[in-house]
Protein backbone atom coordinates (compact mmCIF):
# COMPACT_ATOMS: atom_id res chain seq x y z
CA MET A 1 360.59 266.30 125.83
CA LYS A 2 357.71 264.18 124.56
CA ILE A 3 355.07 263.44 127.17
CA GLY A 4 354.24 260.06 125.66
CA GLU A 5 357.85 258.98 126.14
CA ILE A 6 358.10 260.46 129.64
CA LEU A 7 355.03 258.50 130.76
CA LYS A 8 356.70 255.24 129.73
CA HIS A 9 359.54 255.81 132.19
CA ILE A 10 357.90 257.25 135.32
CA ASN A 11 355.40 255.78 137.76
CA THR A 12 353.32 258.85 138.55
CA SER A 13 352.99 262.06 136.56
CA ILE A 14 352.00 265.39 138.15
CA SER A 15 350.85 268.12 135.77
CA PHE A 16 349.08 271.46 135.75
CA GLU A 17 346.72 273.20 133.35
CA PHE A 18 346.57 276.95 132.73
CA PHE A 19 344.45 279.18 130.52
CA PRO A 20 345.71 282.19 128.53
CA PRO A 21 344.72 285.42 130.35
CA LYS A 22 342.97 288.28 128.58
CA THR A 23 345.16 291.09 129.97
CA PRO A 24 348.88 291.76 130.54
CA GLU A 25 348.14 291.94 134.28
CA GLY A 26 346.51 288.52 134.13
CA GLU A 27 349.49 287.13 132.28
CA ASP A 28 351.86 288.51 134.91
CA GLN A 29 349.73 286.83 137.60
CA LEU A 30 349.79 283.57 135.64
CA PHE A 31 353.57 283.55 135.50
CA ARG A 32 353.77 284.17 139.24
CA THR A 33 351.56 281.08 139.63
CA ILE A 34 353.79 279.14 137.24
CA LYS A 35 356.87 280.06 139.27
CA ASP A 36 355.16 278.77 142.43
CA LEU A 37 354.16 275.49 140.77
CA GLU A 38 357.47 275.04 138.95
CA LYS A 39 359.01 274.31 142.37
CA LEU A 40 356.94 271.11 142.50
CA ASN A 41 358.82 269.76 139.47
CA PRO A 42 355.76 268.82 137.38
CA THR A 43 356.06 266.30 134.57
CA PHE A 44 354.45 268.84 132.23
CA VAL A 45 352.09 271.80 132.08
CA SER A 46 349.42 272.60 129.50
CA VAL A 47 347.74 275.71 128.11
CA THR A 48 344.10 275.71 126.98
CA TYR A 49 342.62 276.90 123.70
CA GLY A 50 339.34 278.84 123.62
CA ALA A 51 336.11 277.82 121.92
CA GLY A 52 336.33 278.20 118.16
CA GLY A 53 339.96 279.29 118.39
CA SER A 54 339.02 282.42 120.34
CA THR A 55 342.30 282.44 122.31
CA ARG A 56 344.53 281.30 119.46
CA GLU A 57 347.14 284.07 119.60
CA ARG A 58 347.13 284.25 123.40
CA THR A 59 347.54 280.48 123.70
CA ILE A 60 350.48 280.50 121.29
CA ARG A 61 352.10 283.42 123.12
CA VAL A 62 351.78 281.82 126.57
CA VAL A 63 353.02 278.44 125.32
CA LYS A 64 356.04 280.13 123.72
CA ARG A 65 356.80 282.16 126.84
CA ILE A 66 356.64 279.11 129.12
CA HIS A 67 358.86 277.18 126.70
CA GLU A 68 361.45 279.97 126.58
CA GLN A 69 361.39 281.29 130.15
CA CYS A 70 360.64 278.26 132.33
CA ASN A 71 362.28 274.92 132.88
CA LEU A 72 359.09 273.06 132.03
CA THR A 73 357.76 270.66 129.41
CA VAL A 74 354.74 272.44 127.92
CA MET A 75 351.81 271.03 125.96
CA ALA A 76 349.62 273.21 123.76
CA HIS A 77 345.91 272.48 123.53
CA LEU A 78 344.60 272.67 119.96
CA THR A 79 340.94 272.52 118.97
CA CYS A 80 340.02 271.87 115.37
CA ILE A 81 336.50 273.24 115.33
CA GLY A 82 336.32 276.44 113.29
CA HIS A 83 339.75 276.00 111.66
CA SER A 84 340.67 274.97 108.14
CA LYS A 85 343.38 272.35 107.74
CA LYS A 86 345.66 275.10 106.41
CA GLU A 87 345.19 277.08 109.64
CA ILE A 88 345.77 273.96 111.73
CA TYR A 89 348.92 273.15 109.77
CA ASP A 90 350.26 276.70 110.22
CA ILE A 91 349.69 276.57 113.98
CA LEU A 92 351.45 273.21 114.26
CA LYS A 93 354.31 274.32 112.02
CA GLY A 94 354.77 277.37 114.23
CA TYR A 95 354.97 275.16 117.31
CA LYS A 96 357.44 272.83 115.61
CA ASP A 97 359.62 275.78 114.60
CA ILE A 98 360.08 276.81 118.24
CA GLY A 99 360.54 273.27 119.55
CA ILE A 100 357.13 272.47 121.05
CA GLN A 101 356.64 268.69 120.83
CA ASN A 102 353.37 268.09 122.71
CA ILE A 103 349.79 268.71 121.57
CA LEU A 104 346.46 267.99 123.24
CA ALA A 105 344.22 267.37 120.23
CA LEU A 106 340.59 268.34 120.83
CA ARG A 107 337.45 268.87 118.82
CA GLY A 108 336.57 271.90 120.93
CA ASP A 109 333.28 273.57 121.74
CA ILE A 110 331.11 275.57 119.39
CA PRO A 111 331.32 279.23 120.55
CA GLN A 112 328.55 280.14 122.96
CA GLY A 113 325.50 281.54 121.22
CA GLN A 114 326.44 279.99 117.86
CA GLU A 115 325.11 276.49 118.49
CA GLU A 116 322.42 276.79 115.81
CA SER A 117 324.24 278.96 113.26
CA PHE A 118 327.80 277.63 113.42
CA VAL A 119 329.23 276.53 110.09
CA PHE A 120 332.12 274.05 109.99
CA PRO A 121 334.89 274.98 107.53
CA PRO A 122 334.55 272.72 104.47
CA ASP A 123 338.28 271.96 104.60
CA GLY A 124 338.67 271.18 108.27
CA CYS A 125 338.44 268.48 110.92
CA ARG A 126 335.06 267.97 112.53
CA TYR A 127 336.21 265.53 115.23
CA ALA A 128 339.25 264.99 117.41
CA ASN A 129 340.17 261.67 115.77
CA GLU A 130 340.36 263.50 112.42
CA LEU A 131 342.66 266.08 114.00
CA VAL A 132 344.92 263.35 115.41
CA SER A 133 345.06 261.71 111.98
CA PHE A 134 345.87 265.02 110.30
CA ILE A 135 348.72 265.72 112.71
CA ARG A 136 350.18 262.27 112.09
CA GLU A 137 349.81 262.63 108.30
CA GLN A 138 351.53 266.02 108.23
CA PHE A 139 354.14 265.69 110.96
CA GLY A 140 354.65 261.97 111.49
CA ASP A 141 355.92 261.21 114.98
CA TYR A 142 357.28 264.69 115.69
CA PHE A 143 354.45 265.53 118.10
CA SER A 144 353.43 263.53 121.13
CA ILE A 145 349.64 263.68 120.98
CA GLY A 146 347.27 263.57 123.92
CA VAL A 147 343.47 263.57 123.81
CA ALA A 148 340.56 264.11 126.17
CA ALA A 149 338.73 261.34 128.02
CA TYR A 150 335.31 261.56 129.67
CA PRO A 151 334.75 259.22 132.65
CA GLU A 152 331.04 260.09 132.69
CA GLY A 153 330.78 260.27 128.91
CA HIS A 154 330.94 263.35 126.67
CA PRO A 155 327.89 265.59 127.24
CA GLU A 156 326.91 265.19 123.57
CA SER A 157 327.33 261.40 123.50
CA PRO A 158 324.17 259.25 123.63
CA SER A 159 325.90 256.70 125.89
CA LEU A 160 329.19 255.98 127.63
CA GLU A 161 329.71 252.99 125.34
CA LYS A 162 329.36 255.21 122.26
CA ASP A 163 331.76 257.71 123.79
CA ILE A 164 334.35 254.95 124.32
CA TYR A 165 333.85 253.87 120.70
CA TYR A 166 334.93 257.35 119.58
CA PHE A 167 337.73 257.44 122.14
CA LYS A 168 339.11 254.25 120.59
CA LYS A 169 339.10 255.95 117.18
CA LYS A 170 341.35 258.68 118.62
CA VAL A 171 343.74 256.05 119.95
CA GLU A 172 343.76 254.18 116.63
CA ALA A 173 344.53 257.48 114.87
CA GLY A 174 347.70 257.92 116.93
CA ALA A 175 346.90 259.34 120.37
CA GLU A 176 349.53 258.32 122.93
CA PHE A 177 347.89 259.36 126.21
CA ALA A 178 344.74 260.98 127.55
CA ILE A 179 343.69 263.44 130.24
CA THR A 180 340.22 263.16 131.69
CA GLN A 181 337.60 265.82 132.10
CA MET A 182 337.25 266.76 135.76
CA PHE A 183 335.26 264.36 137.96
CA PHE A 184 334.46 264.31 141.66
CA ASP A 185 333.48 260.69 142.21
CA ASN A 186 336.34 258.25 141.63
CA SER A 187 333.97 255.37 140.96
CA TYR A 188 333.22 256.90 137.55
CA PHE A 189 336.94 256.85 136.71
CA TYR A 190 337.43 253.25 137.80
CA ARG A 191 334.39 252.11 135.81
CA TYR A 192 335.68 254.00 132.78
CA MET A 193 339.11 252.39 133.01
CA ASP A 194 337.52 248.94 133.24
CA LEU A 195 335.52 249.64 130.08
CA LEU A 196 338.64 250.85 128.25
CA SER A 197 340.50 247.71 129.29
CA LYS A 198 337.69 245.52 127.93
CA GLU A 199 338.08 247.34 124.60
CA GLY A 200 341.83 246.66 124.56
CA ILE A 201 342.71 250.33 125.09
CA ASN A 202 345.81 250.64 127.23
CA ILE A 203 347.28 254.10 126.69
CA PRO A 204 347.97 256.10 129.90
CA VAL A 205 344.84 257.93 131.10
CA ILE A 206 345.56 260.71 133.60
CA PRO A 207 342.74 261.81 135.93
CA GLY A 208 341.84 265.50 135.81
CA ILE A 209 341.41 267.06 139.28
CA MET A 210 339.56 270.34 139.90
CA PRO A 211 339.94 271.59 143.50
CA ILE A 212 336.75 273.41 144.44
CA THR A 213 337.63 276.87 145.76
CA ASN A 214 334.62 278.73 144.32
CA PHE A 215 331.56 276.51 144.58
CA ARG A 216 329.19 278.27 142.16
CA GLN A 217 331.92 278.68 139.53
CA ILE A 218 332.84 274.98 139.63
CA GLU A 219 329.16 274.02 139.71
CA LYS A 220 328.72 275.82 136.37
CA PHE A 221 331.78 274.07 134.92
CA ALA A 222 330.43 270.71 136.10
CA VAL A 223 327.07 271.29 134.42
CA MET A 224 328.79 272.28 131.16
CA CYS A 225 330.97 269.18 131.03
CA GLY A 226 328.53 266.69 132.52
CA ALA A 227 330.47 266.04 135.74
CA THR A 228 328.55 264.91 138.82
CA ILE A 229 329.29 266.62 142.12
CA PRO A 230 328.30 264.18 144.93
CA LYS A 231 325.23 265.23 146.88
CA ASP A 232 326.94 265.18 150.27
CA LEU A 233 329.70 267.45 148.98
CA VAL A 234 327.15 269.87 147.51
CA GLU A 235 325.33 270.02 150.84
CA LYS A 236 328.55 270.77 152.71
CA LEU A 237 329.50 273.54 150.29
CA GLU A 238 326.05 275.12 150.24
CA LYS A 239 326.17 275.56 154.00
CA VAL A 240 329.34 277.66 153.77
CA GLU A 241 329.09 279.16 150.26
CA ASN A 242 329.24 282.71 151.67
CA SER A 243 332.56 281.97 153.34
CA PRO A 244 335.32 281.65 150.69
CA GLU A 245 337.77 280.33 153.29
CA GLU A 246 335.44 277.52 154.37
CA VAL A 247 334.60 276.62 150.76
CA ALA A 248 338.30 276.38 149.92
CA LYS A 249 339.01 274.29 153.02
CA ILE A 250 336.26 271.79 152.16
CA GLY A 251 337.30 271.74 148.51
CA ILE A 252 340.98 271.15 149.28
CA ASP A 253 340.16 268.44 151.84
CA TYR A 254 337.90 266.68 149.33
CA ALA A 255 340.38 266.88 146.45
CA THR A 256 343.13 265.58 148.73
CA GLU A 257 341.06 262.53 149.66
CA GLN A 258 340.20 262.00 146.00
CA CYS A 259 343.88 262.13 145.00
CA GLU A 260 344.93 259.83 147.84
CA ASP A 261 342.41 257.21 146.73
CA LEU A 262 343.48 257.48 143.09
CA LEU A 263 347.18 257.19 143.95
CA LYS A 264 346.56 254.16 146.18
CA ASN A 265 344.79 252.55 143.23
CA GLY A 266 347.78 253.02 140.94
CA VAL A 267 346.78 255.85 138.61
CA LYS A 268 349.37 256.96 136.06
CA GLY A 269 349.27 260.56 137.23
CA LEU A 270 347.23 263.55 138.36
CA HIS A 271 346.44 266.58 136.20
CA PHE A 272 345.34 269.65 138.17
CA TYR A 273 343.01 272.25 136.67
CA THR A 274 344.56 275.23 138.44
CA LEU A 275 342.42 278.13 137.11
CA ASN A 276 345.76 280.00 137.05
CA LYS A 277 346.09 279.91 140.85
CA SER A 278 348.61 277.96 142.88
CA LYS A 279 347.52 277.94 146.53
CA ALA A 280 345.07 275.01 146.47
CA THR A 281 347.25 272.86 144.20
CA VAL A 282 350.37 273.48 146.29
CA GLU A 283 348.52 272.54 149.47
CA ILE A 284 347.10 269.34 147.97
CA TYR A 285 350.53 268.38 146.64
CA ARG A 286 352.06 268.95 150.08
CA ARG A 287 349.56 266.51 151.58
CA ILE A 288 349.90 263.76 148.96
CA LYS A 289 353.57 263.99 147.99
CA ASP A 290 354.59 260.97 150.08
CA LEU A 291 352.20 258.82 148.02
CA ILE A 292 353.74 259.88 144.70
CA LYS A 293 356.17 257.20 143.52
């Protein structure tokens, strides 16, 4: 089913993101997680795509396996950086051939360590709006296309206003919905939505939620993507960082409060960055399920 169409007919979407594991053992663990989360009847699930296409084959394999073995709507992430248009077309054609209808179209990150030497393919897409346009040109309305949104602005953007300018170009190119980068202060999301509204942008924007269960790991992610972790939350976590159970408890409590506030303010859905684990997400869902309409 197409996510863009689903979002038109439901009040609140619940979705989960996974990454393609490096080993068969990791993949087995992932599918145990998926089985746990499948019981929550998510609107859709998504599978990430590594920097510069580094997980290309693993992403395709996991997407295909979820599509064939699980009763779930699955969305494949696709980054254009490092790919020629021919390679992008072949990936999309492969997804179409097996019945995948949902793509999260991303520019993607330059592989670590190649920031200065990276060369863009001459026949490729340098930006996400170009990728969205290419998908529409080649496949029409077959794919439902989602894109990324950055409530605090993309780390490479000179300003939030400039970032929204480029977000609008993705929408004009044919994006139907968006999922935000993780954030930990809801005020950034509400400000962002107000700015989008002023620009006449009204596609569904789903908040991305990252439950903190490993403080230093999430702290690194936050630095990479430009997400602010509130000072009082950092102080709480630093006091217990040597106790994984206490870190997880604080992280789950905080994410629950964040989700409750978002749901009470009428968000279109919640997208959980699971890190291929189910415990925290299942617990948060248990606490907020009565608020999901």
